[in-house]
C-alpha atoms as a PDB file:
ATOM      1  CA  MET A   1       9.652   3.647  -6.555  1.00  0.00           C
ATOM      2  CA  GLN A   2      10.713   0.770  -8.757  1.00  0.00           C
ATOM      3  CA  ILE A   3       8.537  -2.373  -7.959  1.00  0.00           C
ATOM      4  CA  GLU A   4       9.345  -5.821  -8.932  1.00  0.00           C
ATOM      5  CA  LEU A   5       7.155  -8.649  -8.233  1.00  0.00           C
ATOM      6  CA  GLU A   6       7.146 -12.565  -8.969  1.00  0.00           C
ATOM      7  CA  PHE A   7       4.080 -14.373  -9.534  1.00  0.00           C
ATOM      8  CA  ASP A   8       3.937 -18.244  -9.344  1.00  0.00           C
ATOM      9  CA  LYS A   9       3.570 -20.165 -12.552  1.00  0.00           C
ATOM     10  CA  ASN A  10       0.094 -21.328 -11.341  1.00  0.00           C
ATOM     11  CA  VAL A  11      -1.294 -17.918 -12.023  1.00  0.00           C
ATOM     12  CA  ALA A  12       0.818 -17.172 -15.023  1.00  0.00           C
ATOM     13  CA  GLU A  13      -2.002 -17.040 -17.544  1.00  0.00           C
ATOM     14  CA  ASP A  14      -4.052 -14.453 -15.278  1.00  0.00           C
ATOM     15  CA  VAL A  15      -0.959 -12.407 -14.677  1.00  0.00           C
ATOM     16  CA  LEU A  16      -0.217 -12.223 -18.359  1.00  0.00           C
ATOM     17  CA  ASN A  17      -3.688 -11.006 -18.918  1.00  0.00           C
ATOM     18  CA  TYR A  18      -3.777  -8.452 -16.131  1.00  0.00           C
ATOM     19  CA  HIS A  19      -3.020  -4.737 -16.116  1.00  0.00           C
ATOM     20  CA  PHE A  20      -1.135  -3.807 -13.030  1.00  0.00           C
ATOM     21  CA  HIS A  21       0.211  -0.260 -14.237  1.00  0.00           C
ATOM     22  CA  PRO A  22       0.875   1.792 -17.316  1.00  0.00           C
ATOM     23  CA  THR A  23       4.637   1.373 -16.898  1.00  0.00           C
ATOM     24  CA  GLN A  24       4.405  -2.445 -16.435  1.00  0.00           C
ATOM     25  CA  LYS A  25       7.098  -4.603 -18.087  1.00  0.00           C
ATOM     26  CA  ILE A  26       6.295  -8.404 -17.814  1.00  0.00           C
ATOM     27  CA  LYS A  27       8.805 -11.267 -18.324  1.00  0.00           C
ATOM     28  CA  LYS A  28       8.303 -14.940 -18.424  1.00  0.00           C
ATOM     29  CA  LEU A  29      11.256 -16.652 -16.203  1.00  0.00           C
ATOM     30  CA  ASP A  30      13.152 -19.828 -16.948  1.00  0.00           C
ATOM     31  CA  ASN A  31      11.179 -21.363 -13.959  1.00  0.00           C
ATOM     32  CA  CYS A  32       7.983 -20.320 -15.602  1.00  0.00           C
ATOM     33  CA  ASN A  33       6.900 -17.865 -12.887  1.00  0.00           C
ATOM     34  CA  ILE A  34       6.095 -14.185 -14.257  1.00  0.00           C
ATOM     35  CA  GLN A  35       8.080 -11.281 -13.385  1.00  0.00           C
ATOM     36  CA  VAL A  36       6.314  -7.827 -13.255  1.00  0.00           C
ATOM     37  CA  LYS A  37       8.176  -4.615 -12.949  1.00  0.00           C
ATOM     38  CA  PHE A  38       6.729  -1.122 -12.937  1.00  0.00           C
ATOM     39  CA  THR A  39       7.175   2.419 -11.344  1.00  0.00           C
ATOM     40  CA  SER A  40       4.625   3.619  -8.778  1.00  0.00           C
ATOM     41  CA  GLY A  41       4.239   6.107  -6.009  1.00  0.00           C
ATOM     42  CA  GLY A  42       1.942   4.632  -3.795  1.00  0.00           C
ATOM     43  CA  THR A  43       2.087   1.662  -1.641  1.00  0.00           C
ATOM     44  CA  TYR A  44      -1.210   1.259  -0.185  1.00  0.00           C
ATOM     45  CA  ALA A  45      -2.873   0.743  -3.542  1.00  0.00           C
ATOM     46  CA  ILE A  46      -0.199  -1.779  -4.413  1.00  0.00           C
ATOM     47  CA  CYS A  47      -1.035  -3.744  -1.183  1.00  0.00           C
ATOM     48  CA  GLN A  48      -4.625  -3.772  -2.133  1.00  0.00           C
ATOM     49  CA  GLU A  49      -3.783  -5.311  -5.479  1.00  0.00           C
ATOM     50  CA  LEU A  50      -1.363  -7.726  -4.150  1.00  0.00           C
ATOM     51  CA  PHE A  51      -3.774  -9.048  -1.401  1.00  0.00           C
ATOM     52  CA  LYS A  52      -5.734 -10.837  -4.042  1.00  0.00           C
ATOM     53  CA  TRP A  53      -3.069 -12.813  -5.348  1.00  0.00           C
ATOM     54  CA  GLY A  54      -2.421 -14.439  -1.950  1.00  0.00           C
ATOM     55  CA  CYS A  55       0.703 -16.836  -1.673  1.00  0.00           C
ATOM     56  CA  ASN A  56       1.054 -16.575  -5.386  1.00  0.00           C
ATOM     57  CA  VAL A  57       3.087 -13.332  -5.316  1.00  0.00           C
ATOM     58  CA  ARG A  58       6.466 -12.323  -3.889  1.00  0.00           C
ATOM     59  CA  ILE A  59       7.534  -8.665  -3.557  1.00  0.00           C
ATOM     60  CA  LYS A  60      11.233  -8.718  -4.800  1.00  0.00           C
ATOM     61  CA  SER A  61      11.576  -5.063  -4.287  1.00  0.00           C
ATOM     62  CA  PRO A  62      11.720  -2.488  -2.867  1.00  0.00           C
ATOM     63  CA  ILE A  63      12.101  -3.567   0.693  1.00  0.00           C
ATOM     64  CA  GLU A  64      10.082  -0.651   1.839  1.00  0.00           C
ATOM     65  CA  LEU A  65       7.065  -2.214   0.006  1.00  0.00           C
ATOM     66  CA  LYS A  66       7.615  -5.548   1.411  1.00  0.00           C
ATOM     67  CA  LYS A  67       7.793  -4.019   5.157  1.00  0.00           C
ATOM     68  CA  HIS A  68       4.579  -1.901   4.375  1.00  0.00           C
ATOM     69  CA  TYR A  69       2.761  -5.225   3.089  1.00  0.00           C
ATOM     70  CA  LYS A  70       3.754  -7.266   6.005  1.00  0.00           C
ATOM     71  CA  SER A  71       2.475  -4.459   8.293  1.00  0.00           C
ATOM     72  CA  TYR A  72      -0.667  -4.241   6.193  1.00  0.00           C
ATOM     73  CA  LEU A  73      -1.253  -7.972   6.688  1.00  0.00           C
ATOM     74  CA  THR A  74      -0.775  -7.921  10.200  1.00  0.00           C
ATOM     75  CA  ASP A  75      -3.367  -5.045  10.630  1.00  0.00           C
ATOM     76  CA  VAL A  76      -5.792  -7.241   8.852  1.00  0.00           C
ATOM     77  CA  LEU A  77      -5.048 -10.231  10.981  1.00  0.00           C
ATOM     78  CA  ASP A  78      -5.471  -8.027  14.241  1.00  0.00           C
ATOM     79  CA  ASN A  79      -8.826  -7.045  12.958  1.00  0.00           C
ATOM     80  CA  LEU A  80     -10.237 -10.537  12.965  1.00  0.00           C
END
């Protein structure tokens, strides 16, 4: 699965120093946000990682990961 994430510029320094995946490619965008792309097979582990970035990360693709993450967040809220 090809993953594309976009991180807010407010966490750019942390993202630039973070190891997401061995296949990661990181790019600073014109708006100073950070794009991270990598190939991965597991959605659960990715969702666990994304949770700590809160509102500072957006899943750009794939749509399946976005749907899985929304479901994961709903399950977390239902558990409160």
